[in-house]
Amino acid sequence: IFDTFGALPDGGTFVLVVDHDPQPLRRHFDLM
């Protein structure tokens, strides 16, 4: 996920498809 995010240009987006609410991932984004 962070590889995909890192390849985005500023202002770019991607859609993440998961099988649960990824709150630990969101906390990881908040931290990093």
All heavy atoms as atom14 arrays in JSON, in Angstrom:
{
  "sequence": "IFDTFGALPDGGTFVLVVDHDPQPLRRHFDLM",
  "atom14_mask": [
    [1, 1, 1, 1, 1, 1, 1, 1, 0, 0, 0, 0, 0, 0],
    [1, 1, 1, 1, 1, 1, 1, 1, 1, 1, 1, 0, 0, 0],
    [1, 1, 1, 1, 1, 1, 1, 1, 0, 0, 0, 0, 0, 0],
    [1, 1, 1, 1, 1, 1, 1, 0, 0, 0, 0, 0, 0, 0],
    [1, 1, 1, 1, 1, 1, 1, 1, 1, 1, 1, 0, 0, 0],
    [1, 1, 1, 1, 0, 0, 0, 0, 0, 0, 0, 0, 0, 0],
    [1, 1, 1, 1, 1, 0, 0, 0, 0, 0, 0, 0, 0, 0],
    [1, 1, 1, 1, 1, 1, 1, 1, 0, 0, 0, 0, 0, 0],
    [1, 1, 1, 1, 1, 1, 1, 0, 0, 0, 0, 0, 0, 0],
    [1, 1, 1, 1, 1, 1, 1, 1, 0, 0, 0, 0, 0, 0],
    [1, 1, 1, 1, 0, 0, 0, 0, 0, 0, 0, 0, 0, 0],
    [1, 1, 1, 1, 0, 0, 0, 0, 0, 0, 0, 0, 0, 0],
    [1, 1, 1, 1, 1, 1, 1, 0, 0, 0, 0, 0, 0, 0],
    [1, 1, 1, 1, 1, 1, 1, 1, 1, 1, 1, 0, 0, 0],
    [1, 1, 1, 1, 1, 1, 1, 0, 0, 0, 0, 0, 0, 0],
    [1, 1, 1, 1, 1, 1, 1, 1, 0, 0, 0, 0, 0, 0],
    [1, 1, 1, 1, 1, 1, 1, 0, 0, 0, 0, 0, 0, 0],
    [1, 1, 1, 1, 1, 1, 1, 0, 0, 0, 0, 0, 0, 0],
    [1, 1, 1, 1, 1, 1, 1, 1, 0, 0, 0, 0, 0, 0],
    [1, 1, 1, 1, 1, 1, 1, 1, 1, 1, 0, 0, 0, 0],
    [1, 1, 1, 1, 1, 1, 1, 1, 0, 0, 0, 0, 0, 0],
    [1, 1, 1, 1, 1, 1, 1, 0, 0, 0, 0, 0, 0, 0],
    [1, 1, 1, 1, 1, 1, 1, 1, 1, 0, 0, 0, 0, 0],
    [1, 1, 1, 1, 1, 1, 1, 0, 0, 0, 0, 0, 0, 0],
    [1, 1, 1, 1, 1, 1, 1, 1, 0, 0, 0, 0, 0, 0],
    [1, 1, 1, 1, 1, 1, 1, 1, 1, 1, 1, 0, 0, 0],
    [1, 1, 1, 1, 1, 1, 1, 1, 1, 1, 1, 0, 0, 0],
    [1, 1, 1, 1, 1, 1, 1, 1, 1, 1, 0, 0, 0, 0],
    [1, 1, 1, 1, 1, 1, 1, 1, 1, 1, 1, 0, 0, 0],
    [1, 1, 1, 1, 1, 1, 1, 1, 0, 0, 0, 0, 0, 0],
    [1, 1, 1, 1, 1, 1, 1, 1, 0, 0, 0, 0, 0, 0],
    [1, 1, 1, 1, 1, 1, 1, 1, 0, 0, 0, 0, 0, 0]
  ],
  "atom14_positions": [
    [[0.84, -1.21, 0.0], [0.0, 0.0, 0.0], [0.87, 1.25, 0.0], [0.63, 2.2, -0.75], [-0.96, -0.02, 1.21], [-2.01, -1.14, 1.02], [-1.65, 1.33, 1.38], [-2.75, -1.49, 2.29], [0.0, 0.0, 0.0], [0.0, 0.0, 0.0], [0.0, 0.0, 0.0], [0.0, 0.0, 0.0], [0.0, 0.0, 0.0], [0.0, 0.0, 0.0]],
    [[1.91, 1.28, 0.83], [2.77, 2.46, 0.89], [3.61, 2.6, -0.38], [3.94, 3.72, -0.79], [3.64, 2.43, 2.14], [2.94, 2.93, 3.36], [2.28, 2.06, 4.22], [2.91, 4.28, 3.65], [1.61, 2.53, 5.34], [2.25, 4.77, 4.77], [1.59, 3.88, 5.62], [0.0, 0.0, 0.0], [0.0, 0.0, 0.0], [0.0, 0.0, 0.0]],
    [[3.95, 1.47, -1.02], [4.62, 1.56, -2.32], [3.72, 2.25, -3.34], [4.16, 3.11, -4.11], [4.98, 0.16, -2.84], [6.17, -0.45, -2.13], [6.88, 0.29, -1.42], [6.37, -1.67, -2.28], [0.0, 0.0, 0.0], [0.0, 0.0, 0.0], [0.0, 0.0, 0.0], [0.0, 0.0, 0.0], [0.0, 0.0, 0.0], [0.0, 0.0, 0.0]],
    [[2.45, 1.85, -3.37], [1.51, 2.43, -4.32], [1.31, 3.91, -4.03], [1.28, 4.75, -4.94], [0.16, 1.69, -4.26], [0.38, 0.31, -4.57], [-0.84, 2.27, -5.26], [0.0, 0.0, 0.0], [0.0, 0.0, 0.0], [0.0, 0.0, 0.0], [0.0, 0.0, 0.0], [0.0, 0.0, 0.0], [0.0, 0.0, 0.0], [0.0, 0.0, 0.0]],
    [[1.17, 4.24, -2.75], [1.02, 5.65, -2.37], [2.26, 6.46, -2.76], [2.16, 7.57, -3.3], [0.79, 5.76, -0.86], [0.63, 7.17, -0.36], [-0.6, 7.8, -0.38], [1.72, 7.88, 0.12], [-0.76, 9.11, 0.08], [1.59, 9.18, 0.57], [0.35, 9.79, 0.56], [0.0, 0.0, 0.0], [0.0, 0.0, 0.0], [0.0, 0.0, 0.0]],
    [[3.44, 5.89, -2.54], [4.67, 6.61, -2.84], [4.83, 6.93, -4.32], [5.46, 7.91, -4.68], [0.0, 0.0, 0.0], [0.0, 0.0, 0.0], [0.0, 0.0, 0.0], [0.0, 0.0, 0.0], [0.0, 0.0, 0.0], [0.0, 0.0, 0.0], [0.0, 0.0, 0.0], [0.0, 0.0, 0.0], [0.0, 0.0, 0.0], [0.0, 0.0, 0.0]],
    [[4.24, 6.09, -5.18], [4.35, 6.31, -6.63], [3.36, 7.35, -7.14], [3.46, 7.78, -8.3], [4.12, 4.99, -7.37], [0.0, 0.0, 0.0], [0.0, 0.0, 0.0], [0.0, 0.0, 0.0], [0.0, 0.0, 0.0], [0.0, 0.0, 0.0], [0.0, 0.0, 0.0], [0.0, 0.0, 0.0], [0.0, 0.0, 0.0], [0.0, 0.0, 0.0]],
    [[2.41, 7.78, -6.3], [1.43, 8.77, -6.75], [2.09, 10.13, -6.93], [2.95, 10.52, -6.14], [0.3, 8.92, -5.72], [-0.67, 7.76, -5.52], [-1.61, 8.09, -4.37], [-1.46, 7.47, -6.79], [0.0, 0.0, 0.0], [0.0, 0.0, 0.0], [0.0, 0.0, 0.0], [0.0, 0.0, 0.0], [0.0, 0.0, 0.0], [0.0, 0.0, 0.0]],
    [[1.66, 10.89, -7.94], [2.07, 12.29, -7.99], [1.3, 13.09, -6.94], [0.27, 12.61, -6.43], [1.65, 12.71, -9.4], [0.46, 11.85, -9.7], [0.75, 10.53, -9.04], [0.0, 0.0, 0.0], [0.0, 0.0, 0.0], [0.0, 0.0, 0.0], [0.0, 0.0, 0.0], [0.0, 0.0, 0.0], [0.0, 0.0, 0.0], [0.0, 0.0, 0.0]],
    [[1.77, 14.26, -6.59], [1.01, 15.12, -5.69], [-0.38, 15.37, -6.27], [-0.52, 15.73, -7.44], [1.73, 16.44, -5.46], [2.98, 16.29, -4.62], [3.09, 15.28, -3.93], [3.85, 17.19, -4.67], [0.0, 0.0, 0.0], [0.0, 0.0, 0.0], [0.0, 0.0, 0.0], [0.0, 0.0, 0.0], [0.0, 0.0, 0.0], [0.0, 0.0, 0.0]],
    [[-1.41, 15.14, -5.46], [-2.78, 15.28, -5.94], [-3.36, 14.0, -6.49], [-4.56, 13.94, -6.78], [0.0, 0.0, 0.0], [0.0, 0.0, 0.0], [0.0, 0.0, 0.0], [0.0, 0.0, 0.0], [0.0, 0.0, 0.0], [0.0, 0.0, 0.0], [0.0, 0.0, 0.0], [0.0, 0.0, 0.0], [0.0, 0.0, 0.0], [0.0, 0.0, 0.0]],
    [[-2.54, 12.97, -6.67], [-3.02, 11.69, -7.2], [-3.74, 10.87, -6.15], [-3.59, 11.08, -4.95], [0.0, 0.0, 0.0], [0.0, 0.0, 0.0], [0.0, 0.0, 0.0], [0.0, 0.0, 0.0], [0.0, 0.0, 0.0], [0.0, 0.0, 0.0], [0.0, 0.0, 0.0], [0.0, 0.0, 0.0], [0.0, 0.0, 0.0], [0.0, 0.0, 0.0]],
    [[-4.55, 9.91, -6.62], [-5.3, 9.03, -5.73], [-5.26, 7.6, -6.25], [-4.97, 7.35, -7.43], [-6.78, 9.46, -5.62], [-7.4, 9.34, -6.92], [-6.91, 10.88, -5.12], [0.0, 0.0, 0.0], [0.0, 0.0, 0.0], [0.0, 0.0, 0.0], [0.0, 0.0, 0.0], [0.0, 0.0, 0.0], [0.0, 0.0, 0.0], [0.0, 0.0, 0.0]],
    [[-5.54, 6.66, -5.37], [-5.8, 5.28, -5.78], [-6.88, 4.72, -4.86], [-7.15, 5.26, -3.78], [-4.54, 4.42, -5.73], [-4.08, 4.03, -4.35], [-4.38, 2.79, -3.81], [-3.32, 4.91, -3.58], [-3.94, 2.42, -2.54], [-2.88, 4.57, -2.31], [-3.2, 3.32, -1.79], [0.0, 0.0, 0.0], [0.0, 0.0, 0.0], [0.0, 0.0, 0.0]],
    [[-7.53, 3.66, -5.32], [-8.6, 3.03, -4.55], [-8.06, 1.75, -3.93], [-7.58, 0.85, -4.64], [-9.83, 2.73, -5.42], [-10.87, 1.93, -4.61], [-10.44, 4.03, -5.94], [0.0, 0.0, 0.0], [0.0, 0.0, 0.0], [0.0, 0.0, 0.0], [0.0, 0.0, 0.0], [0.0, 0.0, 0.0], [0.0, 0.0, 0.0], [0.0, 0.0, 0.0]],
    [[-8.13, 1.67, -2.63], [-7.71, 0.48, -1.89], [-8.91, -0.43, -1.67], [-9.96, 0.02, -1.21], [-7.11, 0.88, -0.55], [-6.74, -0.25, 0.41], [-5.61, -1.09, -0.17], [-6.36, 0.33, 1.78], [0.0, 0.0, 0.0], [0.0, 0.0, 0.0], [0.0, 0.0, 0.0], [0.0, 0.0, 0.0], [0.0, 0.0, 0.0], [0.0, 0.0, 0.0]],
    [[-8.76, -1.71, -2.0], [-9.81, -2.71, -1.81], [-9.35, -3.69, -0.74], [-8.3, -4.33, -0.89], [-10.13, -3.45, -3.12], [-11.28, -4.44, -2.91], [-10.46, -2.46, -4.24], [0.0, 0.0, 0.0], [0.0, 0.0, 0.0], [0.0, 0.0, 0.0], [0.0, 0.0, 0.0], [0.0, 0.0, 0.0], [0.0, 0.0, 0.0], [0.0, 0.0, 0.0]],
    [[-10.11, -3.79, 0.34], [-9.74, -4.65, 1.47], [-10.97, -5.41, 1.95], [-12.09, -5.17, 1.51], [-9.14, -3.82, 2.63], [-7.77, -3.33, 2.29], [-10.04, -2.65, 2.98], [0.0, 0.0, 0.0], [0.0, 0.0, 0.0], [0.0, 0.0, 0.0], [0.0, 0.0, 0.0], [0.0, 0.0, 0.0], [0.0, 0.0, 0.0], [0.0, 0.0, 0.0]],
    [[-10.75, -6.32, 2.91], [-11.83, -7.15, 3.42], [-12.26, -6.76, 4.83], [-13.0, -7.48, 5.48], [-11.43, -8.63, 3.39], [-10.06, -8.88, 4.0], [-9.55, -7.97, 4.7], [-9.49, -9.95, 3.76], [0.0, 0.0, 0.0], [0.0, 0.0, 0.0], [0.0, 0.0, 0.0], [0.0, 0.0, 0.0], [0.0, 0.0, 0.0], [0.0, 0.0, 0.0]],
    [[-11.8, -5.59, 5.3], [-12.18, -5.11, 6.63], [-11.89, -3.61, 6.68], [-11.29, -3.05, 5.77], [-11.38, -5.84, 7.72], [-9.91, -5.55, 7.66], [-9.08, -6.14, 6.71], [-9.11, -4.72, 8.38], [-7.85, -5.7, 6.89], [-7.84, -4.83, 7.89], [0.0, 0.0, 0.0], [0.0, 0.0, 0.0], [0.0, 0.0, 0.0], [0.0, 0.0, 0.0]],
    [[-12.32, -2.96, 7.74], [-12.03, -1.54, 7.94], [-10.57, -1.41, 8.4], [-10.24, -1.8, 9.53], [-12.98, -0.96, 8.99], [-12.82, 0.54, 9.14], [-12.0, 1.13, 8.4], [-13.51, 1.13, 9.98], [0.0, 0.0, 0.0], [0.0, 0.0, 0.0], [0.0, 0.0, 0.0], [0.0, 0.0, 0.0], [0.0, 0.0, 0.0], [0.0, 0.0, 0.0]],
    [[-9.68, -0.85, 7.58], [-8.24, -0.88, 7.9], [-7.81, 0.26, 8.81], [-6.96, 1.08, 8.45], [-7.6, -0.78, 6.52], [-8.55, 0.06, 5.74], [-9.93, -0.29, 6.25], [0.0, 0.0, 0.0], [0.0, 0.0, 0.0], [0.0, 0.0, 0.0], [0.0, 0.0, 0.0], [0.0, 0.0, 0.0], [0.0, 0.0, 0.0], [0.0, 0.0, 0.0]],
    [[-8.36, 0.32, 9.99], [-7.98, 1.39, 10.91], [-6.51, 1.34, 11.32], [-5.88, 2.4, 11.47], [-8.89, 1.36, 12.13], [-10.28, 1.91, 11.87], [-10.23, 3.35, 11.37], [-9.55, 4.21, 11.94], [-10.95, 3.62, 10.29], [0.0, 0.0, 0.0], [0.0, 0.0, 0.0], [0.0, 0.0, 0.0], [0.0, 0.0, 0.0], [0.0, 0.0, 0.0]],
    [[-5.9, 0.15, 11.51], [-4.45, 0.15, 11.81], [-3.63, 0.78, 10.69], [-2.64, 1.46, 10.95], [-4.13, -1.34, 11.95], [-5.43, -1.95, 12.4], [-6.49, -1.19, 11.65], [0.0, 0.0, 0.0], [0.0, 0.0, 0.0], [0.0, 0.0, 0.0], [0.0, 0.0, 0.0], [0.0, 0.0, 0.0], [0.0, 0.0, 0.0], [0.0, 0.0, 0.0]],
    [[-4.07, 0.58, 9.45], [-3.39, 1.22, 8.32], [-3.52, 2.73, 8.41], [-2.55, 3.46, 8.17], [-3.98, 0.72, 7.0], [-3.48, 1.44, 5.74], [-2.01, 1.13, 5.49], [-4.32, 1.04, 4.52], [0.0, 0.0, 0.0], [0.0, 0.0, 0.0], [0.0, 0.0, 0.0], [0.0, 0.0, 0.0], [0.0, 0.0, 0.0], [0.0, 0.0, 0.0]],
    [[-4.7, 3.21, 8.76], [-4.89, 4.65, 8.85], [-4.02, 5.25, 9.94], [-3.45, 6.33, 9.77], [-6.36, 4.97, 9.11], [-6.69, 6.45, 8.97], [-8.16, 6.7, 8.93], [-8.45, 8.09, 8.58], [-9.68, 8.57, 8.4], [-10.72, 7.77, 8.52], [-9.86, 9.84, 8.08], [0.0, 0.0, 0.0], [0.0, 0.0, 0.0], [0.0, 0.0, 0.0]],
    [[-3.88, 4.55, 11.05], [-2.99, 5.04, 12.11], [-1.54, 5.05, 11.62], [-0.75, 5.94, 12.0], [-3.15, 4.17, 13.36], [-4.49, 4.37, 14.07], [-4.49, 3.76, 15.45], [-4.49, 2.3, 15.39], [-5.58, 1.54, 15.33], [-6.79, 2.11, 15.3], [-5.49, 0.23, 15.3], [0.0, 0.0, 0.0], [0.0, 0.0, 0.0], [0.0, 0.0, 0.0]],
    [[-1.19, 4.07, 10.8], [0.16, 4.03, 10.22], [0.39, 5.25, 9.32], [1.45, 5.88, 9.36], [0.32, 2.73, 9.41], [1.74, 2.39, 9.1], [2.12, 1.21, 8.5], [2.9, 3.08, 9.29], [3.41, 1.19, 8.32], [3.92, 2.31, 8.79], [0.0, 0.0, 0.0], [0.0, 0.0, 0.0], [0.0, 0.0, 0.0], [0.0, 0.0, 0.0]],
    [[-0.62, 5.61, 8.53], [-0.53, 6.82, 7.7], [-0.39, 8.06, 8.58], [0.4, 8.96, 8.28], [-1.77, 6.95, 6.81], [-1.61, 6.35, 5.45], [-2.02, 5.05, 5.19], [-1.05, 7.07, 4.41], [-1.87, 4.49, 3.93], [-0.9, 6.53, 3.15], [-1.31, 5.23, 2.9], [0.0, 0.0, 0.0], [0.0, 0.0, 0.0], [0.0, 0.0, 0.0]],
    [[-1.18, 8.12, 9.66], [-1.09, 9.28, 10.57], [0.31, 9.42, 11.15], [0.82, 10.53, 11.33], [-2.11, 9.13, 11.7], [-3.52, 9.46, 11.26], [-3.68, 10.23, 10.29], [-4.47, 8.94, 11.88], [0.0, 0.0, 0.0], [0.0, 0.0, 0.0], [0.0, 0.0, 0.0], [0.0, 0.0, 0.0], [0.0, 0.0, 0.0], [0.0, 0.0, 0.0]],
    [[0.91, 8.27, 11.47], [2.24, 8.29, 12.07], [3.31, 8.67, 11.06], [4.2, 9.5, 11.35], [2.55, 6.91, 12.66], [3.94, 6.73, 13.29], [4.09, 7.63, 14.52], [4.16, 5.26, 13.68], [0.0, 0.0, 0.0], [0.0, 0.0, 0.0], [0.0, 0.0, 0.0], [0.0, 0.0, 0.0], [0.0, 0.0, 0.0], [0.0, 0.0, 0.0]],
    [[3.24, 8.08, 9.86], [4.3, 8.25, 8.87], [4.11, 9.5, 8.0], [5.09, 10.11, 7.58], [4.38, 7.01, 7.96], [4.63, 5.71, 8.7], [6.25, 5.7, 9.51], [7.32, 5.77, 8.09], [0.0, 0.0, 0.0], [0.0, 0.0, 0.0], [0.0, 0.0, 0.0], [0.0, 0.0, 0.0], [0.0, 0.0, 0.0], [0.0, 0.0, 0.0]]
  ]
}
